[in-house]
Amino acid sequence: MDWHRKRKIITGLFLGGIGLLIALAGVSIYLDARSVRQNAALSDIRNPRLPGHESTGGTDRHRDRRAAAILIAGDPVYLEPFLPGPR
């Protein structure tokens, strides 16, 4: 193997490593943005701002369970039994 071939291989590996680092940085940015959105949704679930209702009631443990159920299922219908008012 001559010097130029080794140099091409090393350069290719170096550029591949740089490309991998850039791809991982992009994935990290995407996952961070997703986490921020999920945390905002969880914050809204834990501290609902319903018109005319200061609180949905229940303990922190129940609030956490409701939040977990909504995040897992992705459906706010799970909040209905805990909301005050007619059904």
Protein backbone atom coordinates (compact mmCIF):
# COMPACT_ATOMS: atom_id res chain seq x y z
CA MET A 1 0.00 0.00 0.00
CA ASP A 2 1.55 3.27 -1.03
CA TRP A 3 1.49 6.51 0.94
CA HIS A 4 -1.20 8.20 -1.16
CA ARG A 5 -3.65 5.36 -0.71
CA LYS A 6 -3.17 5.43 3.08
CA ARG A 7 -3.66 9.17 3.05
CA LYS A 8 -6.93 8.83 1.13
CA ILE A 9 -8.19 6.19 3.56
CA ILE A 10 -7.25 8.26 6.61
CA THR A 11 -8.84 11.37 5.09
CA GLY A 12 -12.01 9.41 4.30
CA LEU A 13 -12.21 8.05 7.84
CA PHE A 14 -11.61 11.52 9.27
CA LEU A 15 -14.36 13.06 7.14
CA GLY A 16 -16.67 10.18 8.00
CA GLY A 17 -16.04 10.82 11.70
CA ILE A 18 -16.78 14.53 11.27
CA GLY A 19 -19.99 13.63 9.42
CA LEU A 20 -20.99 11.28 12.22
CA LEU A 21 -20.39 13.99 14.82
CA ILE A 22 -22.55 16.44 12.85
CA ALA A 23 -25.31 13.83 12.53
CA LEU A 24 -25.21 13.09 16.26
CA ALA A 25 -25.35 16.82 17.06
CA GLY A 26 -28.45 17.09 14.86
CA VAL A 27 -30.11 14.16 16.62
CA SER A 28 -29.24 15.69 19.98
CA ILE A 29 -30.82 19.02 18.99
CA TYR A 30 -33.95 17.24 17.75
CA LEU A 31 -34.31 15.17 20.94
CA ASP A 32 -33.76 18.25 23.09
CA ALA A 33 -36.48 20.18 21.25
CA ARG A 34 -38.82 17.20 21.59
CA SER A 35 -38.08 16.96 25.30
CA VAL A 36 -38.82 20.66 25.77
CA ARG A 37 -42.20 20.24 24.03
CA GLN A 38 -43.06 17.20 26.16
CA ASN A 39 -42.05 18.99 29.35
CA ALA A 40 -44.24 21.94 28.40
CA ALA A 41 -47.16 19.58 27.77
CA LEU A 42 -46.53 17.84 31.09
CA SER A 43 -46.40 21.21 32.86
CA ASP A 44 -49.75 22.16 31.32
CA ILE A 45 -51.23 18.86 32.47
CA ARG A 46 -49.90 19.20 36.01
CA ASN A 47 -50.96 22.84 36.25
CA PRO A 48 -54.09 23.11 34.11
CA ARG A 49 -55.42 26.53 33.26
CA LEU A 50 -59.07 25.74 32.85
CA PRO A 51 -61.38 28.76 32.68
CA GLY A 52 -63.32 29.06 35.94
CA HIS A 53 -61.42 26.27 37.65
CA GLU A 54 -58.42 26.95 39.84
CA SER A 55 -57.52 23.30 40.23
CA THR A 56 -58.60 19.87 39.07
CA GLY A 57 -58.22 18.62 42.63
CA GLY A 58 -56.40 15.56 43.83
CA THR A 59 -53.02 15.04 45.33
CA ASP A 60 -49.70 15.45 43.60
CA ARG A 61 -49.52 11.68 43.24
CA HIS A 62 -52.85 11.61 41.40
CA ARG A 63 -51.80 14.54 39.23
CA ASP A 64 -48.63 12.68 38.30
CA ARG A 65 -50.61 9.55 37.40
CA ARG A 66 -53.00 11.57 35.22
CA ALA A 67 -50.08 13.23 33.50
CA ALA A 68 -48.40 9.89 32.89
CA ALA A 69 -51.61 8.39 31.48
CA ILE A 70 -52.03 11.27 29.07
CA LEU A 71 -48.41 11.19 27.95
CA ILE A 72 -48.49 7.44 27.41
CA ALA A 73 -51.83 7.35 25.61
CA GLY A 74 -51.62 10.81 24.04
CA ASP A 75 -55.32 11.33 24.67
CA PRO A 76 -56.67 14.00 27.08
CA VAL A 77 -59.90 12.02 27.49
CA TYR A 78 -58.17 10.44 30.50
CA LEU A 79 -58.60 13.75 32.32
CA GLU A 80 -62.41 13.71 32.11
CA PRO A 81 -63.04 11.74 35.34
CA PHE A 82 -60.90 14.23 37.25
CA LEU A 83 -62.39 17.44 35.87
CA PRO A 84 -65.11 19.17 37.89
CA GLY A 85 -68.51 19.80 36.35
CA PRO A 86 -71.34 17.81 34.76
CA ARG A 87 -70.61 14.63 32.86
